[in-house]
Amino acid sequence: MPKSAAPAALTVESVSRTPLQGRSKASFERMLAAARELMIERGNEDFTLQEVSQRGQVSIGSIYLRFESKDNLVRAVLANGLQALSDSETAMIEALVKQCRSLEVFVPRFVEGYAEVLRVNAPLLRLAMARAENDPLVSTPGKRAAETAVAQATAALLRFAGEFGGTEHELRASSAYHIIFATLARQLSLGSTSESVTVYDWDLIKRELGRMCLAYLRSA
């Protein structure tokens, strides 16, 4: 039997009829902005297209002209959010690689920068993670984005491999990234409920996380 095709990359264009003209583009952006605001305010997808219509000052008919369903409107909002997260991660790492000349300088700055990227994008990332549990149009691209984040961070750390201890440098760099992500994600309730999170001082967590990962990478 033929294999089913993998879901296409999740983009706004892949789940909508994107307008070309200026006035229609402005209306389209208001739809996305209104839906995004409602999702972030409520922390879920429990909004109606009537609410999007009222907040975005667009007609219900124009929403259905651009999106076949509310699901596709949600996917478009999440597509924008995941792209913003990816762009922020890339820009942060590229800036740090240019600025830092040693592992000792890079690691704590990476923890600080990545923490801020995740904090800013956490509201939509939580919703993307929740939807990904049952929506392959979100889960598959989400996994690819996560793999890209691992690869970027690992490559950046390996620029300082000469300062690593031991011999399994790639394993250490990848493990350090996963430790950093898991710790920060836990505190931001990414992939877990806020009730299950023990609240620690955010600045203290970042500082100690940087120190621990630096010691791990340097250890024999």
C-alpha atoms as a PDB file:
ATOM      1  CA  MET A   1       0.000   0.000   0.000  1.00  0.00           C
ATOM      2  CA  PRO A   2       1.328   3.507  -0.775  1.00  0.00           C
ATOM      3  CA  LYS A   3       2.525   5.555   2.136  1.00  0.00           C
ATOM      4  CA  SER A   4       0.390   8.535   3.057  1.00  0.00           C
ATOM      5  CA  ALA A   5       1.946  11.863   2.205  1.00  0.00           C
ATOM      6  CA  ALA A   6       3.558  13.763   5.056  1.00  0.00           C
ATOM      7  CA  PRO A   7       1.710  16.917   6.096  1.00  0.00           C
ATOM      8  CA  ALA A   8       2.924  19.996   4.260  1.00  0.00           C
ATOM      9  CA  ALA A   9       4.772  22.702   6.087  1.00  0.00           C
ATOM     10  CA  LEU A  10       2.391  24.633   8.313  1.00  0.00           C
ATOM     11  CA  THR A  11       2.155  28.194   7.027  1.00  0.00           C
ATOM     12  CA  VAL A  12      -0.585  30.780   6.954  1.00  0.00           C
ATOM     13  CA  GLU A  13      -0.777  30.277   3.182  1.00  0.00           C
ATOM     14  CA  SER A  14      -1.261  26.502   3.531  1.00  0.00           C
ATOM     15  CA  VAL A  15      -4.430  26.874   5.634  1.00  0.00           C
ATOM     16  CA  SER A  16      -6.007  29.997   4.149  1.00  0.00           C
ATOM     17  CA  ARG A  17      -6.843  31.837   0.974  1.00  0.00           C
ATOM     18  CA  THR A  18      -4.337  34.640   1.346  1.00  0.00           C
ATOM     19  CA  PRO A  19      -5.426  37.936  -0.232  1.00  0.00           C
ATOM     20  CA  LEU A  20      -3.244  39.908  -2.634  1.00  0.00           C
ATOM     21  CA  GLN A  21      -4.750  43.383  -2.490  1.00  0.00           C
ATOM     22  CA  GLY A  22      -3.988  45.972   0.181  1.00  0.00           C
ATOM     23  CA  ARG A  23      -7.434  46.437   1.712  1.00  0.00           C
ATOM     24  CA  SER A  24      -8.089  42.705   1.760  1.00  0.00           C
ATOM     25  CA  LYS A  25      -4.667  42.101   3.311  1.00  0.00           C
ATOM     26  CA  ALA A  26      -5.443  44.573   6.084  1.00  0.00           C
ATOM     27  CA  SER A  27      -8.732  42.804   6.808  1.00  0.00           C
ATOM     28  CA  PHE A  28      -6.953  39.438   6.779  1.00  0.00           C
ATOM     29  CA  GLU A  29      -4.345  40.641   9.274  1.00  0.00           C
ATOM     30  CA  ARG A  30      -7.114  41.906  11.576  1.00  0.00           C
ATOM     31  CA  MET A  31      -8.696  38.439  11.549  1.00  0.00           C
ATOM     32  CA  LEU A  32      -5.416  36.839  12.562  1.00  0.00           C
ATOM     33  CA  ALA A  33      -4.687  39.489  15.191  1.00  0.00           C
ATOM     34  CA  ALA A  34      -8.158  39.215  16.732  1.00  0.00           C
ATOM     35  CA  ALA A  35      -8.010  35.422  16.910  1.00  0.00           C
ATOM     36  CA  ARG A  36      -4.495  35.569  18.390  1.00  0.00           C
ATOM     37  CA  GLU A  37      -5.569  38.056  21.072  1.00  0.00           C
ATOM     38  CA  LEU A  38      -8.560  35.919  22.058  1.00  0.00           C
ATOM     39  CA  MET A  39      -6.460  32.755  22.228  1.00  0.00           C
ATOM     40  CA  ILE A  40      -3.786  34.376  24.391  1.00  0.00           C
ATOM     41  CA  GLU A  41      -6.276  36.112  26.677  1.00  0.00           C
ATOM     42  CA  ARG A  42      -8.166  32.872  27.357  1.00  0.00           C
ATOM     43  CA  GLY A  43      -5.293  30.426  27.133  1.00  0.00           C
ATOM     44  CA  ASN A  44      -7.335  28.170  24.853  1.00  0.00           C
ATOM     45  CA  GLU A  45      -9.210  28.017  21.548  1.00  0.00           C
ATOM     46  CA  ASP A  46     -12.621  28.701  23.090  1.00  0.00           C
ATOM     47  CA  PHE A  47     -13.631  31.675  20.982  1.00  0.00           C
ATOM     48  CA  THR A  48     -16.243  32.132  18.301  1.00  0.00           C
ATOM     49  CA  LEU A  49     -15.904  33.520  14.810  1.00  0.00           C
ATOM     50  CA  GLN A  50     -18.486  36.124  15.836  1.00  0.00           C
ATOM     51  CA  GLU A  51     -16.035  37.361  18.465  1.00  0.00           C
ATOM     52  CA  VAL A  52     -13.274  37.499  15.851  1.00  0.00           C
ATOM     53  CA  SER A  53     -15.639  39.416  13.585  1.00  0.00           C
ATOM     54  CA  GLN A  54     -16.454  41.981  16.274  1.00  0.00           C
ATOM     55  CA  ARG A  55     -12.925  42.448  17.576  1.00  0.00           C
ATOM     56  CA  GLY A  56     -11.286  42.502  14.164  1.00  0.00           C
ATOM     57  CA  GLN A  57     -14.014  44.632  12.570  1.00  0.00           C
ATOM     58  CA  VAL A  58     -14.446  42.121   9.758  1.00  0.00           C
ATOM     59  CA  SER A  59     -17.557  40.355   8.527  1.00  0.00           C
ATOM     60  CA  ILE A  60     -18.289  36.689   9.169  1.00  0.00           C
ATOM     61  CA  GLY A  61     -18.499  36.227   5.426  1.00  0.00           C
ATOM     62  CA  SER A  62     -14.993  37.593   4.911  1.00  0.00           C
ATOM     63  CA  ILE A  63     -13.638  35.183   7.547  1.00  0.00           C
ATOM     64  CA  TYR A  64     -15.162  32.204   5.735  1.00  0.00           C
ATOM     65  CA  LEU A  65     -13.846  33.582   2.458  1.00  0.00           C
ATOM     66  CA  ARG A  66     -10.299  33.311   3.825  1.00  0.00           C
ATOM     67  CA  PHE A  67     -10.633  30.257   6.088  1.00  0.00           C
ATOM     68  CA  GLU A  68     -12.626  27.089   5.469  1.00  0.00           C
ATOM     69  CA  SER A  69     -13.082  26.579   9.200  1.00  0.00           C
ATOM     70  CA  LYS A  70     -12.269  27.908  12.638  1.00  0.00           C
ATOM     71  CA  ASP A  71      -9.669  25.128  12.862  1.00  0.00           C
ATOM     72  CA  ASN A  72      -7.781  26.620   9.935  1.00  0.00           C
ATOM     73  CA  LEU A  73      -7.912  30.074  11.500  1.00  0.00           C
ATOM     74  CA  VAL A  74      -6.387  28.600  14.679  1.00  0.00           C
ATOM     75  CA  ARG A  75      -3.750  26.814  12.613  1.00  0.00           C
ATOM     76  CA  ALA A  76      -2.869  30.057  10.849  1.00  0.00           C
ATOM     77  CA  VAL A  77      -2.386  31.839  14.181  1.00  0.00           C
ATOM     78  CA  LEU A  78      -0.192  28.994  15.415  1.00  0.00           C
ATOM     79  CA  ALA A  79       1.770  28.965  12.147  1.00  0.00           C
ATOM     80  CA  ASN A  80       2.623  32.617  12.676  1.00  0.00           C
ATOM     81  CA  GLY A  81       3.526  31.924  16.284  1.00  0.00           C
ATOM     82  CA  LEU A  82       5.823  28.992  15.485  1.00  0.00           C
ATOM     83  CA  GLN A  83       7.548  30.999  12.766  1.00  0.00           C
ATOM     84  CA  ALA A  84       8.079  33.903  15.154  1.00  0.00           C
ATOM     85  CA  LEU A  85       9.593  31.513  17.703  1.00  0.00           C
ATOM     86  CA  SER A  86      11.912  29.986  15.096  1.00  0.00           C
ATOM     87  CA  ASP A  87      13.015  33.400  13.832  1.00  0.00           C
ATOM     88  CA  SER A  88      13.709  34.588  17.385  1.00  0.00           C
ATOM     89  CA  GLU A  89      15.739  31.474  18.198  1.00  0.00           C
ATOM     90  CA  THR A  90      17.839  31.874  15.068  1.00  0.00           C
ATOM     91  CA  ALA A  91      18.454  35.585  15.592  1.00  0.00           C
ATOM     92  CA  MET A  92      19.389  35.051  19.246  1.00  0.00           C
ATOM     93  CA  ILE A  93      21.899  32.299  18.477  1.00  0.00           C
ATOM     94  CA  GLU A  94      23.442  34.159  15.544  1.00  0.00           C
ATOM     95  CA  ALA A  95      23.941  37.255  17.700  1.00  0.00           C
ATOM     96  CA  LEU A  96      25.536  35.273  20.533  1.00  0.00           C
ATOM     97  CA  VAL A  97      27.890  33.403  18.218  1.00  0.00           C
ATOM     98  CA  LYS A  98      29.194  36.758  16.986  1.00  0.00           C
ATOM     99  CA  GLN A  99      29.506  38.233  20.481  1.00  0.00           C
ATOM    100  CA  CYS A 100      30.961  35.335  22.482  1.00  0.00           C
ATOM    101  CA  ARG A 101      34.550  34.164  22.283  1.00  0.00           C
ATOM    102  CA  SER A 102      34.487  31.433  24.923  1.00  0.00           C
ATOM    103  CA  LEU A 103      32.234  28.713  26.293  1.00  0.00           C
ATOM    104  CA  GLU A 104      32.244  30.445  29.669  1.00  0.00           C
ATOM    105  CA  VAL A 105      30.692  33.538  28.131  1.00  0.00           C
ATOM    106  CA  PHE A 106      28.390  31.761  25.673  1.00  0.00           C
ATOM    107  CA  VAL A 107      26.576  29.299  27.964  1.00  0.00           C
ATOM    108  CA  PRO A 108      25.082  31.741  30.510  1.00  0.00           C
ATOM    109  CA  ARG A 109      24.188  34.187  27.758  1.00  0.00           C
ATOM    110  CA  PHE A 110      22.525  31.418  25.784  1.00  0.00           C
ATOM    111  CA  VAL A 111      20.466  30.405  28.819  1.00  0.00           C
ATOM    112  CA  GLU A 112      19.460  34.029  29.387  1.00  0.00           C
ATOM    113  CA  GLY A 113      18.603  34.646  25.735  1.00  0.00           C
ATOM    114  CA  TYR A 114      16.746  31.383  25.226  1.00  0.00           C
ATOM    115  CA  ALA A 115      14.776  31.902  28.421  1.00  0.00           C
ATOM    116  CA  GLU A 116      13.555  35.239  27.114  1.00  0.00           C
ATOM    117  CA  VAL A 117      12.674  33.807  23.692  1.00  0.00           C
ATOM    118  CA  LEU A 118      10.623  31.052  25.317  1.00  0.00           C
ATOM    119  CA  ARG A 119       8.997  33.425  27.815  1.00  0.00           C
ATOM    120  CA  VAL A 120       7.824  35.797  25.093  1.00  0.00           C
ATOM    121  CA  ASN A 121       6.504  33.002  22.872  1.00  0.00           C
ATOM    122  CA  ALA A 122       5.146  30.759  25.646  1.00  0.00           C
ATOM    123  CA  PRO A 123       1.451  31.722  25.399  1.00  0.00           C
ATOM    124  CA  LEU A 124       1.097  30.543  21.792  1.00  0.00           C
ATOM    125  CA  LEU A 125       3.605  27.718  22.193  1.00  0.00           C
ATOM    126  CA  ARG A 126       1.451  26.223  24.960  1.00  0.00           C
ATOM    127  CA  LEU A 127      -1.545  26.256  22.626  1.00  0.00           C
ATOM    128  CA  ALA A 128       0.478  24.774  19.765  1.00  0.00           C
ATOM    129  CA  MET A 129       1.655  21.937  22.022  1.00  0.00           C
ATOM    130  CA  ALA A 130      -1.887  21.241  23.165  1.00  0.00           C
ATOM    131  CA  ARG A 131      -3.263  21.155  19.610  1.00  0.00           C
ATOM    132  CA  ALA A 132      -0.353  19.060  18.367  1.00  0.00           C
ATOM    133  CA  GLU A 133      -1.589  16.175  20.528  1.00  0.00           C
ATOM    134  CA  ASN A 134      -4.477  15.611  18.097  1.00  0.00           C
ATOM    135  CA  ASP A 135      -3.675  17.621  14.968  1.00  0.00           C
ATOM    136  CA  PRO A 136      -0.966  16.277  12.612  1.00  0.00           C
ATOM    137  CA  LEU A 137      -1.022  19.524  10.652  1.00  0.00           C
ATOM    138  CA  VAL A 138       0.480  21.113  13.765  1.00  0.00           C
ATOM    139  CA  SER A 139       2.358  18.200  15.350  1.00  0.00           C
ATOM    140  CA  THR A 140       4.519  17.238  12.371  1.00  0.00           C
ATOM    141  CA  PRO A 141       5.785  20.770  11.611  1.00  0.00           C
ATOM    142  CA  GLY A 142       6.155  21.317  15.347  1.00  0.00           C
ATOM    143  CA  LYS A 143       8.463  18.308  15.626  1.00  0.00           C
ATOM    144  CA  ARG A 144      10.515  19.577  12.691  1.00  0.00           C
ATOM    145  CA  ALA A 145      10.840  22.982  14.345  1.00  0.00           C
ATOM    146  CA  ALA A 146      11.958  21.321  17.582  1.00  0.00           C
ATOM    147  CA  GLU A 147      14.571  19.296  15.697  1.00  0.00           C
ATOM    148  CA  THR A 148      15.837  22.471  14.053  1.00  0.00           C
ATOM    149  CA  ALA A 149      16.126  24.173  17.451  1.00  0.00           C
ATOM    150  CA  VAL A 150      18.175  21.242  18.788  1.00  0.00           C
ATOM    151  CA  ALA A 151      20.456  21.299  15.733  1.00  0.00           C
ATOM    152  CA  GLN A 152      21.021  25.065  15.919  1.00  0.00           C
ATOM    153  CA  ALA A 153      21.825  25.094  19.617  1.00  0.00           C
ATOM    154  CA  THR A 154      24.047  22.013  19.378  1.00  0.00           C
ATOM    155  CA  ALA A 155      26.001  23.512  16.478  1.00  0.00           C
ATOM    156  CA  ALA A 156      26.470  26.775  18.382  1.00  0.00           C
ATOM    157  CA  LEU A 157      27.779  24.963  21.462  1.00  0.00           C
ATOM    158  CA  LEU A 158      30.114  22.836  19.356  1.00  0.00           C
ATOM    159  CA  ARG A 159      31.879  25.965  18.152  1.00  0.00           C
ATOM    160  CA  PHE A 160      33.494  25.851  21.585  1.00  0.00           C
ATOM    161  CA  ALA A 161      34.138  22.097  21.574  1.00  0.00           C
ATOM    162  CA  GLY A 162      37.826  22.707  22.245  1.00  0.00           C
ATOM    163  CA  GLU A 163      36.810  23.760  25.761  1.00  0.00           C
ATOM    164  CA  PHE A 164      34.690  20.635  26.395  1.00  0.00           C
ATOM    165  CA  GLY A 165      35.854  17.836  28.625  1.00  0.00           C
ATOM    166  CA  GLY A 166      35.657  14.184  27.615  1.00  0.00           C
ATOM    167  CA  THR A 167      35.284  12.954  24.045  1.00  0.00           C
ATOM    168  CA  GLU A 168      31.569  12.750  23.209  1.00  0.00           C
ATOM    169  CA  HIS A 169      31.242  16.412  22.370  1.00  0.00           C
ATOM    170  CA  GLU A 170      28.109  16.253  20.213  1.00  0.00           C
ATOM    171  CA  LEU A 171      26.303  14.188  22.843  1.00  0.00           C
ATOM    172  CA  ARG A 172      27.267  16.674  25.530  1.00  0.00           C
ATOM    173  CA  ALA A 173      26.157  19.678  23.483  1.00  0.00           C
ATOM    174  CA  SER A 174      22.811  18.073  22.621  1.00  0.00           C
ATOM    175  CA  SER A 175      22.259  16.954  26.219  1.00  0.00           C
ATOM    176  CA  ALA A 176      23.052  20.427  27.555  1.00  0.00           C
ATOM    177  CA  TYR A 177      20.465  21.948  25.206  1.00  0.00           C
ATOM    178  CA  HIS A 178      17.811  19.432  26.260  1.00  0.00           C
ATOM    179  CA  ILE A 179      18.513  20.117  29.927  1.00  0.00           C
ATOM    180  CA  ILE A 180      18.201  23.864  29.345  1.00  0.00           C
ATOM    181  CA  PHE A 181      14.983  23.544  27.360  1.00  0.00           C
ATOM    182  CA  ALA A 182      13.365  21.074  29.754  1.00  0.00           C
ATOM    183  CA  THR A 183      14.122  23.212  32.801  1.00  0.00           C
ATOM    184  CA  LEU A 184      12.904  26.460  31.263  1.00  0.00           C
ATOM    185  CA  ALA A 185       9.869  24.817  29.649  1.00  0.00           C
ATOM    186  CA  ARG A 186       8.865  23.315  32.990  1.00  0.00           C
ATOM    187  CA  GLN A 187       8.883  26.711  34.660  1.00  0.00           C
ATOM    188  CA  LEU A 188       6.877  28.226  31.794  1.00  0.00           C
ATOM    189  CA  SER A 189       4.281  25.413  31.935  1.00  0.00           C
ATOM    190  CA  LEU A 190       5.111  24.252  28.421  1.00  0.00           C
ATOM    191  CA  GLY A 191       3.770  20.740  28.134  1.00  0.00           C
ATOM    192  CA  SER A 192       2.518  20.689  31.727  1.00  0.00           C
ATOM    193  CA  THR A 193      -0.179  22.327  33.791  1.00  0.00           C
ATOM    194  CA  SER A 194       0.673  25.357  35.868  1.00  0.00           C
ATOM    195  CA  GLU A 195      -0.660  23.531  38.963  1.00  0.00           C
ATOM    196  CA  SER A 196       2.099  20.914  38.639  1.00  0.00           C
ATOM    197  CA  VAL A 197       4.938  23.446  38.523  1.00  0.00           C
ATOM    198  CA  THR A 198       6.932  24.403  41.598  1.00  0.00           C
ATOM    199  CA  VAL A 199       7.607  28.121  41.345  1.00  0.00           C
ATOM    200  CA  TYR A 200      11.257  29.123  41.702  1.00  0.00           C
ATOM    201  CA  ASP A 201      12.978  32.452  41.323  1.00  0.00           C
ATOM    202  CA  TRP A 202      13.296  32.912  37.540  1.00  0.00           C
ATOM    203  CA  ASP A 203      16.609  34.787  37.663  1.00  0.00           C
ATOM    204  CA  LEU A 204      18.080  32.246  40.070  1.00  0.00           C
ATOM    205  CA  ILE A 205      17.024  29.348  37.842  1.00  0.00           C
ATOM    206  CA  LYS A 206      18.686  30.940  34.801  1.00  0.00           C
ATOM    207  CA  ARG A 207      21.910  31.665  36.680  1.00  0.00           C
ATOM    208  CA  GLU A 208      22.239  28.214  38.218  1.00  0.00           C
ATOM    209  CA  LEU A 209      21.212  26.487  34.993  1.00  0.00           C
ATOM    210  CA  GLY A 210      24.022  28.261  33.175  1.00  0.00           C
ATOM    211  CA  ARG A 211      26.525  27.291  35.852  1.00  0.00           C
ATOM    212  CA  MET A 212      25.458  23.642  35.868  1.00  0.00           C
ATOM    213  CA  CYS A 213      25.565  23.259  32.090  1.00  0.00           C
ATOM    214  CA  LEU A 214      28.947  24.958  31.872  1.00  0.00           C
ATOM    215  CA  ALA A 215      30.354  22.603  34.528  1.00  0.00           C
ATOM    216  CA  TYR A 216      28.837  19.589  32.728  1.00  0.00           C
ATOM    217  CA  LEU A 217      30.320  20.550  29.357  1.00  0.00           C
ATOM    218  CA  ARG A 218      33.761  21.098  30.881  1.00  0.00           C
ATOM    219  CA  SER A 219      33.800  17.975  33.077  1.00  0.00           C
ATOM    220  CA  ALA A 220      36.262  15.180  32.294  1.00  0.00           C
END
